[in-house]
Amino acid sequence: MKNREEIAVKPSELVQALRAMGLTQKQIEARTGIPQPTISKIGLGRVRDVMSRHYLALLKVYEQEVTGQLVQPARVYTPRKRAGE
């Protein structure tokens, strides 16, 4: 079996595969942390340079869908305010 580094899957193909598995763009958003409009653009091939974190999040959800594992929602980075701000 090949590992991730040996298989090159386009981000648009990952989105299309997740959609074919029955996930909506909003469900993909909830599970990856990627905004729905960005998921739409990726799926249509309108994003040339997909951020690596987005690609890895899509790949993780795809792998978990294929293996039937439950997925925890992605954490969204929110900078903390410093004292006195």
N, C-alpha and C. Protein backbone atom coordinates (compact mmCIF):
# COMPACT_ATOMS: atom_id res chain seq x y z
N MET A 1 0.84 -1.19 0.00
CA MET A 1 0.00 0.00 0.00
C MET A 1 0.88 1.25 0.00
N LYS A 2 0.53 2.23 -0.78
CA LYS A 2 1.32 3.45 -0.88
C LYS A 2 0.96 4.41 0.25
N ASN A 3 1.94 5.20 0.69
CA ASN A 3 1.65 6.20 1.72
C ASN A 3 1.34 7.54 1.07
N ARG A 4 1.06 8.55 1.88
CA ARG A 4 0.65 9.87 1.37
C ARG A 4 1.65 10.46 0.40
N GLU A 5 2.95 10.33 0.70
CA GLU A 5 3.96 10.94 -0.14
C GLU A 5 4.02 10.33 -1.54
N GLU A 6 3.57 9.12 -1.70
CA GLU A 6 3.65 8.44 -2.98
C GLU A 6 2.43 8.67 -3.86
N ILE A 7 1.37 9.20 -3.30
CA ILE A 7 0.14 9.40 -4.06
C ILE A 7 -0.11 10.89 -4.18
N ALA A 8 -0.13 11.39 -5.39
CA ALA A 8 -0.40 12.81 -5.61
C ALA A 8 -1.85 12.97 -6.04
N VAL A 9 -2.66 13.50 -5.14
CA VAL A 9 -4.07 13.74 -5.42
C VAL A 9 -4.28 15.24 -5.42
N LYS A 10 -4.90 15.74 -6.46
CA LYS A 10 -5.17 17.17 -6.54
C LYS A 10 -6.20 17.57 -5.49
N PRO A 11 -6.06 18.76 -4.93
CA PRO A 11 -7.05 19.23 -3.95
C PRO A 11 -8.47 19.22 -4.50
N SER A 12 -8.63 19.58 -5.77
CA SER A 12 -9.98 19.59 -6.36
C SER A 12 -10.56 18.18 -6.38
N GLU A 13 -9.70 17.18 -6.60
CA GLU A 13 -10.17 15.79 -6.61
C GLU A 13 -10.60 15.35 -5.21
N LEU A 14 -9.92 15.84 -4.19
CA LEU A 14 -10.32 15.51 -2.81
C LEU A 14 -11.69 16.07 -2.51
N VAL A 15 -11.91 17.33 -2.87
CA VAL A 15 -13.23 17.95 -2.63
C VAL A 15 -14.30 17.21 -3.41
N GLN A 16 -14.03 16.91 -4.66
CA GLN A 16 -15.01 16.20 -5.48
C GLN A 16 -15.30 14.81 -4.92
N ALA A 17 -14.29 14.13 -4.40
CA ALA A 17 -14.49 12.80 -3.82
C ALA A 17 -15.33 12.90 -2.54
N LEU A 18 -15.06 13.90 -1.72
CA LEU A 18 -15.85 14.08 -0.49
C LEU A 18 -17.31 14.39 -0.84
N ARG A 19 -17.51 15.20 -1.86
CA ARG A 19 -18.87 15.52 -2.30
C ARG A 19 -19.56 14.26 -2.83
N ALA A 20 -18.83 13.43 -3.56
CA ALA A 20 -19.39 12.18 -4.08
C ALA A 20 -19.74 11.21 -2.96
N MET A 21 -19.06 11.34 -1.82
CA MET A 21 -19.35 10.50 -0.66
C MET A 21 -20.57 11.00 0.10
N GLY A 22 -21.13 12.13 -0.35
CA GLY A 22 -22.36 12.64 0.25
C GLY A 22 -22.19 13.81 1.19
N LEU A 23 -20.97 14.31 1.35
CA LEU A 23 -20.76 15.46 2.22
C LEU A 23 -21.09 16.74 1.49
N THR A 24 -21.73 17.67 2.19
CA THR A 24 -21.99 18.99 1.62
C THR A 24 -20.77 19.86 1.85
N GLN A 25 -20.72 20.97 1.15
CA GLN A 25 -19.60 21.90 1.36
C GLN A 25 -19.59 22.42 2.80
N LYS A 26 -20.75 22.63 3.39
CA LYS A 26 -20.84 23.08 4.78
C LYS A 26 -20.32 22.01 5.74
N GLN A 27 -20.59 20.74 5.46
CA GLN A 27 -20.08 19.66 6.30
C GLN A 27 -18.56 19.56 6.18
N ILE A 28 -18.05 19.75 4.96
CA ILE A 28 -16.60 19.75 4.77
C ILE A 28 -15.99 20.92 5.53
N GLU A 29 -16.65 22.07 5.48
CA GLU A 29 -16.19 23.25 6.23
C GLU A 29 -16.10 22.93 7.72
N ALA A 30 -17.15 22.32 8.26
CA ALA A 30 -17.18 22.02 9.69
C ALA A 30 -16.09 21.04 10.09
N ARG A 31 -15.76 20.13 9.20
CA ARG A 31 -14.78 19.09 9.54
C ARG A 31 -13.35 19.48 9.23
N THR A 32 -13.14 20.48 8.39
CA THR A 32 -11.78 20.89 8.02
C THR A 32 -11.39 22.26 8.55
N GLY A 33 -12.37 23.10 8.82
CA GLY A 33 -12.07 24.47 9.21
C GLY A 33 -11.83 25.38 8.01
N ILE A 34 -12.00 24.86 6.80
CA ILE A 34 -11.83 25.64 5.58
C ILE A 34 -13.16 26.33 5.27
N PRO A 35 -13.17 27.64 5.04
CA PRO A 35 -14.43 28.32 4.73
C PRO A 35 -15.10 27.72 3.49
N GLN A 36 -16.44 27.65 3.53
CA GLN A 36 -17.20 27.05 2.43
C GLN A 36 -16.90 27.69 1.08
N PRO A 37 -16.79 29.02 0.98
CA PRO A 37 -16.47 29.59 -0.34
C PRO A 37 -15.12 29.10 -0.89
N THR A 38 -14.16 28.89 0.00
CA THR A 38 -12.86 28.38 -0.42
C THR A 38 -12.98 26.94 -0.88
N ILE A 39 -13.78 26.14 -0.17
CA ILE A 39 -14.01 24.75 -0.58
C ILE A 39 -14.62 24.71 -1.98
N SER A 40 -15.57 25.59 -2.23
CA SER A 40 -16.19 25.66 -3.56
C SER A 40 -15.15 25.97 -4.62
N LYS A 41 -14.31 26.96 -4.37
CA LYS A 41 -13.28 27.34 -5.34
C LYS A 41 -12.27 26.22 -5.56
N ILE A 42 -11.88 25.54 -4.48
CA ILE A 42 -10.95 24.42 -4.61
C ILE A 42 -11.58 23.33 -5.46
N GLY A 43 -12.83 23.00 -5.17
CA GLY A 43 -13.53 21.95 -5.89
C GLY A 43 -13.67 22.24 -7.38
N LEU A 44 -13.79 23.51 -7.71
CA LEU A 44 -13.92 23.92 -9.11
C LEU A 44 -12.56 24.11 -9.79
N GLY A 45 -11.48 23.96 -9.03
CA GLY A 45 -10.15 24.14 -9.58
C GLY A 45 -9.76 25.59 -9.78
N ARG A 46 -10.41 26.48 -9.05
CA ARG A 46 -10.15 27.92 -9.21
C ARG A 46 -9.07 28.44 -8.27
N VAL A 47 -8.53 27.57 -7.42
CA VAL A 47 -7.45 27.96 -6.52
C VAL A 47 -6.19 27.27 -7.00
N ARG A 48 -5.22 28.04 -7.46
CA ARG A 48 -3.99 27.46 -8.00
C ARG A 48 -3.07 26.94 -6.91
N ASP A 49 -2.94 27.70 -5.85
CA ASP A 49 -2.00 27.36 -4.80
C ASP A 49 -2.75 27.14 -3.49
N VAL A 50 -3.19 25.92 -3.25
CA VAL A 50 -3.92 25.60 -2.04
C VAL A 50 -2.94 25.53 -0.87
N MET A 51 -3.29 26.18 0.24
CA MET A 51 -2.43 26.15 1.41
C MET A 51 -2.24 24.71 1.87
N SER A 52 -1.03 24.41 2.30
CA SER A 52 -0.73 23.03 2.72
C SER A 52 -1.64 22.58 3.85
N ARG A 53 -1.99 23.50 4.77
CA ARG A 53 -2.87 23.10 5.88
C ARG A 53 -4.26 22.75 5.37
N HIS A 54 -4.71 23.43 4.32
CA HIS A 54 -6.01 23.10 3.74
C HIS A 54 -5.95 21.74 3.05
N TYR A 55 -4.87 21.51 2.31
CA TYR A 55 -4.71 20.23 1.62
C TYR A 55 -4.68 19.09 2.63
N LEU A 56 -3.90 19.25 3.69
CA LEU A 56 -3.80 18.19 4.70
C LEU A 56 -5.12 17.97 5.42
N ALA A 57 -5.88 19.05 5.67
CA ALA A 57 -7.19 18.90 6.31
C ALA A 57 -8.14 18.12 5.41
N LEU A 58 -8.14 18.43 4.10
CA LEU A 58 -9.00 17.70 3.16
C LEU A 58 -8.58 16.24 3.08
N LEU A 59 -7.28 16.01 3.04
CA LEU A 59 -6.77 14.64 2.95
C LEU A 59 -7.15 13.84 4.19
N LYS A 60 -7.07 14.47 5.36
CA LYS A 60 -7.42 13.79 6.61
C LYS A 60 -8.89 13.39 6.62
N VAL A 61 -9.76 14.30 6.23
CA VAL A 61 -11.19 14.00 6.20
C VAL A 61 -11.47 12.90 5.18
N TYR A 62 -10.81 12.96 4.03
CA TYR A 62 -10.99 11.92 3.02
C TYR A 62 -10.58 10.56 3.57
N GLU A 63 -9.40 10.50 4.19
CA GLU A 63 -8.92 9.23 4.74
C GLU A 63 -9.86 8.71 5.82
N GLN A 64 -10.37 9.62 6.65
CA GLN A 64 -11.27 9.19 7.71
C GLN A 64 -12.62 8.74 7.15
N GLU A 65 -13.06 9.34 6.08
CA GLU A 65 -14.30 8.89 5.43
C GLU A 65 -14.11 7.49 4.85
N VAL A 66 -12.97 7.27 4.22
CA VAL A 66 -12.69 5.99 3.59
C VAL A 66 -12.58 4.89 4.64
N THR A 67 -11.93 5.20 5.76
CA THR A 67 -11.74 4.19 6.80
C THR A 67 -12.90 4.12 7.78
N GLY A 68 -13.82 5.08 7.72
CA GLY A 68 -14.99 5.07 8.60
C GLY A 68 -14.72 5.61 9.98
N GLN A 69 -13.62 6.31 10.17
CA GLN A 69 -13.30 6.88 11.47
C GLN A 69 -14.05 8.19 11.66
N LEU A 70 -14.39 8.50 12.91
CA LEU A 70 -15.02 9.77 13.22
C LEU A 70 -13.99 10.87 13.14
N VAL A 71 -14.43 12.06 12.77
CA VAL A 71 -13.53 13.19 12.62
C VAL A 71 -13.88 14.25 13.65
N GLN A 72 -12.85 14.77 14.31
CA GLN A 72 -13.03 15.89 15.21
C GLN A 72 -12.97 17.17 14.39
N PRO A 73 -13.82 18.16 14.70
CA PRO A 73 -13.75 19.41 13.95
C PRO A 73 -12.36 20.04 14.09
N ALA A 74 -11.92 20.70 13.04
CA ALA A 74 -10.62 21.35 13.06
C ALA A 74 -10.65 22.53 14.02
N ARG A 75 -9.52 22.75 14.69
CA ARG A 75 -9.40 23.92 15.54
C ARG A 75 -9.09 25.13 14.68
N VAL A 76 -9.71 26.23 15.02
CA VAL A 76 -9.47 27.47 14.29
C VAL A 76 -8.60 28.34 15.17
N TYR A 77 -7.48 28.81 14.62
CA TYR A 77 -6.56 29.65 15.39
C TYR A 77 -7.17 31.01 15.62
N THR A 78 -7.23 31.41 16.88
CA THR A 78 -7.71 32.73 17.26
C THR A 78 -6.65 33.36 18.16
N PRO A 79 -6.01 34.42 17.71
CA PRO A 79 -4.97 35.04 18.55
C PRO A 79 -5.57 35.59 19.82
N ARG A 80 -4.84 35.39 20.90
CA ARG A 80 -5.29 35.92 22.20
C ARG A 80 -4.88 37.37 22.33
N LYS A 81 -5.72 38.12 23.00
CA LYS A 81 -5.37 39.52 23.28
C LYS A 81 -4.42 39.56 24.47
N ARG A 82 -3.45 40.43 24.37
CA ARG A 82 -2.50 40.59 25.46
C ARG A 82 -3.07 41.53 26.49
N ALA A 83 -2.60 41.39 27.72
CA ALA A 83 -3.06 42.27 28.78
C ALA A 83 -2.80 43.72 28.40
N GLY A 84 -3.80 44.55 28.59
CA GLY A 84 -3.66 45.96 28.29
C GLY A 84 -4.07 46.35 26.88
N GLU A 85 -4.50 45.39 26.07
CA GLU A 85 -4.93 45.72 24.70
C GLU A 85 -6.41 45.96 24.65
